[in-house]
Amino acid sequence: MKKFLVKINAYSYHTEFEVLAEDNVESIENSIVDKIGEKGVKWEYLGEMMDPKMNRITYEEVVNGTRPVQTKAVLGVEVAVGV
């Protein structure tokens, strides 16, 4: 099972939540439908700035920082740098 971050934009509303699912389309879709069916999803109204004709659902795998943080010394201070 993997953790996926789901973002939905539909009908001038937006929501974002995480689901646990196997790495296949059917499992991800079922997890999203189950989460929405629980009615624990909070929808944020975006107003008229978002075109209500454009509906999107995206998801991405959540990786909990398995790589070491890259640092660089700047003026004698260690700071994190982008990869």
PDB file of N, CA and C in Angstrom:
ATOM      1  N   MET A   1       0.841  -1.176   0.000  1.00  0.00           N
ATOM      2  CA  MET A   1       0.000   0.000   0.000  1.00  0.00           C
ATOM      3  C   MET A   1       0.891   1.246   0.000  1.00  0.00           C
ATOM      4  N   LYS A   2       0.490   2.219  -0.798  1.00  0.00           N
ATOM      5  CA  LYS A   2       1.207   3.486  -0.877  1.00  0.00           C
ATOM      6  C   LYS A   2       0.269   4.617  -0.493  1.00  0.00           C
ATOM      7  N   LYS A   3       0.850   5.720  -0.069  1.00  0.00           N
ATOM      8  CA  LYS A   3       0.072   6.896   0.289  1.00  0.00           C
ATOM      9  C   LYS A   3       0.060   7.848  -0.895  1.00  0.00           C
ATOM     10  N   PHE A   4      -1.127   8.330  -1.275  1.00  0.00           N
ATOM     11  CA  PHE A   4      -1.273   9.253  -2.392  1.00  0.00           C
ATOM     12  C   PHE A   4      -1.945  10.538  -1.911  1.00  0.00           C
ATOM     13  N   LEU A   5      -1.471  11.669  -2.422  1.00  0.00           N
ATOM     14  CA  LEU A   5      -2.076  12.965  -2.155  1.00  0.00           C
ATOM     15  C   LEU A   5      -3.043  13.261  -3.296  1.00  0.00           C
ATOM     16  N   VAL A   6      -4.328  13.465  -2.964  1.00  0.00           N
ATOM     17  CA  VAL A   6      -5.365  13.703  -3.961  1.00  0.00           C
ATOM     18  C   VAL A   6      -5.773  15.166  -3.910  1.00  0.00           C
ATOM     19  N   LYS A   7      -5.835  15.812  -5.072  1.00  0.00           N
ATOM     20  CA  LYS A   7      -6.277  17.204  -5.183  1.00  0.00           C
ATOM     21  C   LYS A   7      -7.421  17.238  -6.187  1.00  0.00           C
ATOM     22  N   ILE A   8      -8.558  17.791  -5.769  1.00  0.00           N
ATOM     23  CA  ILE A   8      -9.730  17.864  -6.648  1.00  0.00           C
ATOM     24  C   ILE A   8     -10.149  19.321  -6.787  1.00  0.00           C
ATOM     25  N   ASN A   9     -10.313  19.771  -8.033  1.00  0.00           N
ATOM     26  CA  ASN A   9     -10.880  21.083  -8.358  1.00  0.00           C
ATOM     27  C   ASN A   9     -12.112  20.821  -9.209  1.00  0.00           C
ATOM     28  N   ALA A  10     -13.293  21.190  -8.698  1.00  0.00           N
ATOM     29  CA  ALA A  10     -14.531  20.953  -9.440  1.00  0.00           C
ATOM     30  C   ALA A  10     -15.601  21.939  -9.010  1.00  0.00           C
ATOM     31  N   TYR A  11     -16.302  22.506 -10.008  1.00  0.00           N
ATOM     32  CA  TYR A  11     -17.449  23.380  -9.743  1.00  0.00           C
ATOM     33  C   TYR A  11     -17.121  24.506  -8.767  1.00  0.00           C
ATOM     34  N   SER A  12     -15.974  25.149  -8.947  1.00  0.00           N
ATOM     35  CA  SER A  12     -15.507  26.283  -8.134  1.00  0.00           C
ATOM     36  C   SER A  12     -15.155  25.887  -6.696  1.00  0.00           C
ATOM     37  N   TYR A  13     -14.925  24.600  -6.437  1.00  0.00           N
ATOM     38  CA  TYR A  13     -14.512  24.129  -5.118  1.00  0.00           C
ATOM     39  C   TYR A  13     -13.200  23.374  -5.239  1.00  0.00           C
ATOM     40  N   HIS A  14     -12.468  23.301  -4.124  1.00  0.00           N
ATOM     41  CA  HIS A  14     -11.175  22.618  -4.092  1.00  0.00           C
ATOM     42  C   HIS A  14     -11.078  21.808  -2.802  1.00  0.00           C
ATOM     43  N   THR A  15     -10.458  20.634  -2.888  1.00  0.00           N
ATOM     44  CA  THR A  15     -10.147  19.848  -1.698  1.00  0.00           C
ATOM     45  C   THR A  15      -8.825  19.126  -1.918  1.00  0.00           C
ATOM     46  N   GLU A  16      -8.200  18.748  -0.821  1.00  0.00           N
ATOM     47  CA  GLU A  16      -6.915  18.045  -0.858  1.00  0.00           C
ATOM     48  C   GLU A  16      -6.894  17.083   0.325  1.00  0.00           C
ATOM     49  N   PHE A  17      -6.576  15.798   0.067  1.00  0.00           N
ATOM     50  CA  PHE A  17      -6.516  14.805   1.139  1.00  0.00           C
ATOM     51  C   PHE A  17      -5.617  13.654   0.713  1.00  0.00           C
ATOM     52  N   GLU A  18      -5.265  12.791   1.664  1.00  0.00           N
ATOM     53  CA  GLU A  18      -4.411  11.644   1.393  1.00  0.00           C
ATOM     54  C   GLU A  18      -5.219  10.355   1.485  1.00  0.00           C
ATOM     55  N   VAL A  19      -4.869   9.381   0.652  1.00  0.00           N
ATOM     56  CA  VAL A  19      -5.490   8.054   0.695  1.00  0.00           C
ATOM     57  C   VAL A  19      -4.394   6.996   0.644  1.00  0.00           C
ATOM     58  N   LEU A  20      -4.696   5.831   1.195  1.00  0.00           N
ATOM     59  CA  LEU A  20      -3.818   4.670   1.080  1.00  0.00           C
ATOM     60  C   LEU A  20      -4.402   3.742   0.029  1.00  0.00           C
ATOM     61  N   ALA A  21      -3.571   3.324  -0.929  1.00  0.00           N
ATOM     62  CA  ALA A  21      -4.064   2.455  -2.001  1.00  0.00           C
ATOM     63  C   ALA A  21      -2.895   1.683  -2.598  1.00  0.00           C
ATOM     64  N   GLU A  22      -3.243   0.633  -3.314  1.00  0.00           N
ATOM     65  CA  GLU A  22      -2.236  -0.094  -4.079  1.00  0.00           C
ATOM     66  C   GLU A  22      -1.875   0.750  -5.297  1.00  0.00           C
ATOM     67  N   ASP A  23      -0.770   0.462  -5.912  1.00  0.00           N
ATOM     68  CA  ASP A  23      -0.274   1.280  -7.020  1.00  0.00           C
ATOM     69  C   ASP A  23      -0.909   0.867  -8.343  1.00  0.00           C
ATOM     70  N   ASN A  24      -2.250   0.984  -8.421  1.00  0.00           N
ATOM     71  CA  ASN A  24      -2.956   0.766  -9.684  1.00  0.00           C
ATOM     72  C   ASN A  24      -4.187   1.677  -9.711  1.00  0.00           C
ATOM     73  N   VAL A  25      -4.672   1.939 -10.896  1.00  0.00           N
ATOM     74  CA  VAL A  25      -5.734   2.926 -11.094  1.00  0.00           C
ATOM     75  C   VAL A  25      -7.010   2.554 -10.341  1.00  0.00           C
ATOM     76  N   GLU A  26      -7.431   1.310 -10.439  1.00  0.00           N
ATOM     77  CA  GLU A  26      -8.689   0.890  -9.811  1.00  0.00           C
ATOM     78  C   GLU A  26      -8.648   1.075  -8.294  1.00  0.00           C
ATOM     79  N   SER A  27      -7.547   0.695  -7.670  1.00  0.00           N
ATOM     80  CA  SER A  27      -7.417   0.833  -6.220  1.00  0.00           C
ATOM     81  C   SER A  27      -7.426   2.299  -5.797  1.00  0.00           C
ATOM     82  N   ILE A  28      -6.734   3.146  -6.556  1.00  0.00           N
ATOM     83  CA  ILE A  28      -6.699   4.584  -6.245  1.00  0.00           C
ATOM     84  C   ILE A  28      -8.094   5.191  -6.382  1.00  0.00           C
ATOM     85  N   GLU A  29      -8.788   4.870  -7.484  1.00  0.00           N
ATOM     86  CA  GLU A  29     -10.139   5.391  -7.686  1.00  0.00           C
ATOM     87  C   GLU A  29     -11.082   4.954  -6.566  1.00  0.00           C
ATOM     88  N   ASN A  30     -11.011   3.687  -6.174  1.00  0.00           N
ATOM     89  CA  ASN A  30     -11.875   3.187  -5.104  1.00  0.00           C
ATOM     90  C   ASN A  30     -11.570   3.874  -3.777  1.00  0.00           C
ATOM     91  N   SER A  31     -10.300   4.129  -3.497  1.00  0.00           N
ATOM     92  CA  SER A  31      -9.921   4.818  -2.263  1.00  0.00           C
ATOM     93  C   SER A  31     -10.437   6.250  -2.249  1.00  0.00           C
ATOM     94  N   ILE A  32     -10.376   6.923  -3.404  1.00  0.00           N
ATOM     95  CA  ILE A  32     -10.883   8.301  -3.503  1.00  0.00           C
ATOM     96  C   ILE A  32     -12.391   8.322  -3.272  1.00  0.00           C
ATOM     97  N   VAL A  33     -13.116   7.412  -3.910  1.00  0.00           N
ATOM     98  CA  VAL A  33     -14.578   7.351  -3.757  1.00  0.00           C
ATOM     99  C   VAL A  33     -14.944   7.030  -2.311  1.00  0.00           C
ATOM    100  N   ASP A  34     -14.217   6.114  -1.677  1.00  0.00           N
ATOM    101  CA  ASP A  34     -14.486   5.774  -0.278  1.00  0.00           C
ATOM    102  C   ASP A  34     -14.275   6.979   0.630  1.00  0.00           C
ATOM    103  N   LYS A  35     -13.189   7.719   0.407  1.00  0.00           N
ATOM    104  CA  LYS A  35     -12.876   8.900   1.231  1.00  0.00           C
ATOM    105  C   LYS A  35     -13.954   9.967   1.069  1.00  0.00           C
ATOM    106  N   ILE A  36     -14.386  10.218  -0.156  1.00  0.00           N
ATOM    107  CA  ILE A  36     -15.443  11.210  -0.389  1.00  0.00           C
ATOM    108  C   ILE A  36     -16.759  10.723   0.225  1.00  0.00           C
ATOM    109  N   GLY A  37     -17.018   9.426   0.164  1.00  0.00           N
ATOM    110  CA  GLY A  37     -18.232   8.858   0.731  1.00  0.00           C
ATOM    111  C   GLY A  37     -18.298   8.947   2.246  1.00  0.00           C
ATOM    112  N   GLU A  38     -17.143   9.029   2.918  1.00  0.00           N
ATOM    113  CA  GLU A  38     -17.110   9.163   4.378  1.00  0.00           C
ATOM    114  C   GLU A  38     -17.592  10.540   4.834  1.00  0.00           C
ATOM    115  N   LYS A  39     -17.662  11.476   3.908  1.00  0.00           N
ATOM    116  CA  LYS A  39     -18.061  12.865   4.182  1.00  0.00           C
ATOM    117  C   LYS A  39     -17.108  13.544   5.158  1.00  0.00           C
ATOM    118  N   GLY A  40     -15.847  13.096   5.189  1.00  0.00           N
ATOM    119  CA  GLY A  40     -14.837  13.730   6.026  1.00  0.00           C
ATOM    120  C   GLY A  40     -13.987  14.703   5.226  1.00  0.00           C
ATOM    121  N   VAL A  41     -14.348  14.889   3.967  1.00  0.00           N
ATOM    122  CA  VAL A  41     -13.587  15.775   3.086  1.00  0.00           C
ATOM    123  C   VAL A  41     -14.150  17.185   3.201  1.00  0.00           C
ATOM    124  N   LYS A  42     -13.276  18.162   3.452  1.00  0.00           N
ATOM    125  CA  LYS A  42     -13.706  19.556   3.544  1.00  0.00           C
ATOM    126  C   LYS A  42     -13.447  20.250   2.216  1.00  0.00           C
ATOM    127  N   TRP A  43     -14.483  20.861   1.662  1.00  0.00           N
ATOM    128  CA  TRP A  43     -14.404  21.549   0.383  1.00  0.00           C
ATOM    129  C   TRP A  43     -14.234  23.040   0.604  1.00  0.00           C
ATOM    130  N   GLU A  44     -13.307  23.648  -0.119  1.00  0.00           N
ATOM    131  CA  GLU A  44     -13.051  25.088  -0.031  1.00  0.00           C
ATOM    132  C   GLU A  44     -13.625  25.757  -1.277  1.00  0.00           C
ATOM    133  N   TYR A  45     -14.446  26.781  -1.066  1.00  0.00           N
ATOM    134  CA  TYR A  45     -15.038  27.510  -2.191  1.00  0.00           C
ATOM    135  C   TYR A  45     -14.009  28.476  -2.756  1.00  0.00           C
ATOM    136  N   LEU A  46     -13.763  28.400  -4.051  1.00  0.00           N
ATOM    137  CA  LEU A  46     -12.750  29.237  -4.698  1.00  0.00           C
ATOM    138  C   LEU A  46     -13.337  30.496  -5.316  1.00  0.00           C
ATOM    139  N   GLY A  47     -14.636  30.606  -5.369  1.00  0.00           N
ATOM    140  CA  GLY A  47     -15.257  31.772  -5.979  1.00  0.00           C
ATOM    141  C   GLY A  47     -15.302  31.624  -7.486  1.00  0.00           C
ATOM    142  N   GLU A  48     -15.571  32.716  -8.143  1.00  0.00           N
ATOM    143  CA  GLU A  48     -15.732  32.687  -9.593  1.00  0.00           C
ATOM    144  C   GLU A  48     -14.417  32.783 -10.360  1.00  0.00           C
ATOM    145  N   MET A  49     -13.275  32.862  -9.632  1.00  0.00           N
ATOM    146  CA  MET A  49     -11.996  32.965 -10.344  1.00  0.00           C
ATOM    147  C   MET A  49     -11.652  31.672 -11.085  1.00  0.00           C
ATOM    148  N   MET A  50     -12.195  30.561 -10.615  1.00  0.00           N
ATOM    149  CA  MET A  50     -11.947  29.280 -11.279  1.00  0.00           C
ATOM    150  C   MET A  50     -13.105  29.005 -12.237  1.00  0.00           C
ATOM    151  N   ASP A  51     -12.795  28.644 -13.453  1.00  0.00           N
ATOM    152  CA  ASP A  51     -13.823  28.343 -14.449  1.00  0.00           C
ATOM    153  C   ASP A  51     -14.578  27.078 -14.039  1.00  0.00           C
ATOM    154  N   PRO A  52     -15.877  27.150 -13.774  1.00  0.00           N
ATOM    155  CA  PRO A  52     -16.619  25.967 -13.333  1.00  0.00           C
ATOM    156  C   PRO A  52     -16.700  24.864 -14.388  1.00  0.00           C
ATOM    157  N   LYS A  53     -16.336  25.152 -15.633  1.00  0.00           N
ATOM    158  CA  LYS A  53     -16.360  24.126 -16.677  1.00  0.00           C
ATOM    159  C   LYS A  53     -15.132  23.236 -16.611  1.00  0.00           C
ATOM    160  N   MET A  54     -14.099  23.674 -15.872  1.00  0.00           N
ATOM    161  CA  MET A  54     -12.852  22.924 -15.768  1.00  0.00           C
ATOM    162  C   MET A  54     -12.859  22.119 -14.468  1.00  0.00           C
ATOM    163  N   ASN A  55     -12.940  20.805 -14.550  1.00  0.00           N
ATOM    164  CA  ASN A  55     -12.924  19.934 -13.387  1.00  0.00           C
ATOM    165  C   ASN A  55     -11.673  19.069 -13.462  1.00  0.00           C
ATOM    166  N   ARG A  56     -10.948  18.992 -12.348  1.00  0.00           N
ATOM    167  CA  ARG A  56      -9.689  18.244 -12.339  1.00  0.00           C
ATOM    168  C   ARG A  56      -9.589  17.387 -11.083  1.00  0.00           C
ATOM    169  N   ILE A  57      -9.026  16.191 -11.240  1.00  0.00           N
ATOM    170  CA  ILE A  57      -8.618  15.360 -10.114  1.00  0.00           C
ATOM    171  C   ILE A  57      -7.189  14.944 -10.403  1.00  0.00           C
ATOM    172  N   THR A  58      -6.286  15.230  -9.480  1.00  0.00           N
ATOM    173  CA  THR A  58      -4.905  14.809  -9.640  1.00  0.00           C
ATOM    174  C   THR A  58      -4.498  14.018  -8.401  1.00  0.00           C
ATOM    175  N   TYR A  59      -3.494  13.170  -8.540  1.00  0.00           N
ATOM    176  CA  TYR A  59      -2.953  12.481  -7.376  1.00  0.00           C
ATOM    177  C   TYR A  59      -1.469  12.257  -7.599  1.00  0.00           C
ATOM    178  N   GLU A  60      -0.741  12.168  -6.489  1.00  0.00           N
ATOM    179  CA  GLU A  60       0.690  11.923  -6.550  1.00  0.00           C
ATOM    180  C   GLU A  60       1.080  11.085  -5.343  1.00  0.00           C
ATOM    181  N   GLU A  61       2.114  10.279  -5.502  1.00  0.00           N
ATOM    182  CA  GLU A  61       2.578   9.448  -4.399  1.00  0.00           C
ATOM    183  C   GLU A  61       3.265  10.323  -3.366  1.00  0.00           C
ATOM    184  N   VAL A  62       3.008  10.049  -2.102  1.00  0.00           N
ATOM    185  CA  VAL A  62       3.632  10.795  -1.014  1.00  0.00           C
ATOM    186  C   VAL A  62       4.861  10.022  -0.563  1.00  0.00           C
ATOM    187  N   VAL A  63       6.009  10.670  -0.611  1.00  0.00           N
ATOM    188  CA  VAL A  63       7.261  10.064  -0.179  1.00  0.00           C
ATOM    189  C   VAL A  63       7.715  10.827   1.059  1.00  0.00           C
ATOM    190  N   ASN A  64       7.941  10.112   2.134  1.00  0.00           N
ATOM    191  CA  ASN A  64       8.269  10.736   3.411  1.00  0.00           C
ATOM    192  C   ASN A  64       9.770  10.922   3.592  1.00  0.00           C
ATOM    193  N   GLY A  65      10.385  11.722   2.745  1.00  0.00           N
ATOM    194  CA  GLY A  65      11.779  12.135   2.904  1.00  0.00           C
ATOM    195  C   GLY A  65      12.771  11.014   3.114  1.00  0.00           C
ATOM    196  N   THR A  66      12.846  10.089   2.183  1.00  0.00           N
ATOM    197  CA  THR A  66      13.795   8.986   2.339  1.00  0.00           C
ATOM    198  C   THR A  66      15.202   9.380   1.922  1.00  0.00           C
ATOM    199  N   ARG A  67      15.340  10.511   1.205  1.00  0.00           N
ATOM    200  CA  ARG A  67      16.665  10.968   0.800  1.00  0.00           C
ATOM    201  C   ARG A  67      17.261  11.849   1.883  1.00  0.00           C
ATOM    202  N   PRO A  68      18.589  11.844   2.021  1.00  0.00           N
ATOM    203  CA  PRO A  68      19.207  12.746   2.997  1.00  0.00           C
ATOM    204  C   PRO A  68      19.087  14.195   2.524  1.00  0.00           C
ATOM    205  N   VAL A  69      18.977  15.101   3.471  1.00  0.00           N
ATOM    206  CA  VAL A  69      18.881  16.520   3.149  1.00  0.00           C
ATOM    207  C   VAL A  69      20.243  17.011   2.684  1.00  0.00           C
ATOM    208  N   GLN A  70      20.274  17.710   1.555  1.00  0.00           N
ATOM    209  CA  GLN A  70      21.515  18.259   1.024  1.00  0.00           C
ATOM    210  C   GLN A  70      21.751  19.618   1.677  1.00  0.00           C
ATOM    211  N   THR A  71      22.957  19.849   2.137  1.00  0.00           N
ATOM    212  CA  THR A  71      23.260  21.118   2.797  1.00  0.00           C
ATOM    213  C   THR A  71      24.459  21.782   2.129  1.00  0.00           C
ATOM    214  N   LYS A  72      24.590  23.069   2.416  1.00  0.00           N
ATOM    215  CA  LYS A  72      25.688  23.857   1.876  1.00  0.00           C
ATOM    216  C   LYS A  72      26.068  24.876   2.940  1.00  0.00           C
ATOM    217  N   ALA A  73      27.352  25.102   3.125  1.00  0.00           N
ATOM    218  CA  ALA A  73      27.801  26.093   4.093  1.00  0.00           C
ATOM    219  C   ALA A  73      27.784  27.473   3.439  1.00  0.00           C
ATOM    220  N   VAL A  74      26.999  28.375   4.020  1.00  0.00           N
ATOM    221  CA  VAL A  74      26.912  29.743   3.525  1.00  0.00           C
ATOM    222  C   VAL A  74      27.272  30.666   4.682  1.00  0.00           C
ATOM    223  N   LEU A  75      28.362  31.400   4.535  1.00  0.00           N
ATOM    224  CA  LEU A  75      28.842  32.295   5.585  1.00  0.00           C
ATOM    225  C   LEU A  75      28.974  31.579   6.923  1.00  0.00           C
ATOM    226  N   GLY A  76      29.441  30.327   6.869  1.00  0.00           N
ATOM    227  CA  GLY A  76      29.682  29.551   8.083  1.00  0.00           C
ATOM    228  C   GLY A  76      28.437  28.904   8.679  1.00  0.00           C
ATOM    229  N   VAL A  77      27.295  28.990   7.976  1.00  0.00           N
ATOM    230  CA  VAL A  77      26.053  28.396   8.483  1.00  0.00           C
ATOM    231  C   VAL A  77      25.592  27.328   7.504  1.00  0.00           C
ATOM    232  N   GLU A  78      25.205  26.144   8.036  1.00  0.00           N
ATOM    233  CA  GLU A  78      24.693  25.069   7.193  1.00  0.00           C
ATOM    234  C   GLU A  78      23.241  25.360   6.834  1.00  0.00           C
ATOM    235  N   VAL A  79      22.915  25.389   5.536  1.00  0.00           N
ATOM    236  CA  VAL A  79      21.544  25.609   5.078  1.00  0.00           C
ATOM    237  C   VAL A  79      21.168  24.502   4.100  1.00  0.00           C
ATOM    238  N   ALA A  80      19.878  24.164   4.060  1.00  0.00           N
ATOM    239  CA  ALA A  80      19.401  23.161   3.113  1.00  0.00           C
ATOM    240  C   ALA A  80      19.357  23.766   1.724  1.00  0.00           C
ATOM    241  N   VAL A  81      19.659  22.955   0.716  1.00  0.00           N
ATOM    242  CA  VAL A  81      19.626  23.439  -0.670  1.00  0.00           C
ATOM    243  C   VAL A  81      18.725  22.534  -1.495  1.00  0.00           C
ATOM    244  N   GLY A  82      18.145  23.076  -2.549  1.00  0.00           N
ATOM    245  CA  GLY A  82      17.306  22.300  -3.463  1.00  0.00           C
ATOM    246  C   GLY A  82      18.142  21.371  -4.303  1.00  0.00           C
ATOM    247  N   VAL A  83      17.558  20.280  -4.706  1.00  0.00           N
ATOM    248  CA  VAL A  83      18.272  19.296  -5.517  1.00  0.00           C
ATOM    249  C   VAL A  83      17.977  19.534  -6.973  1.00  0.00           C
TER     250      VAL A  83
END
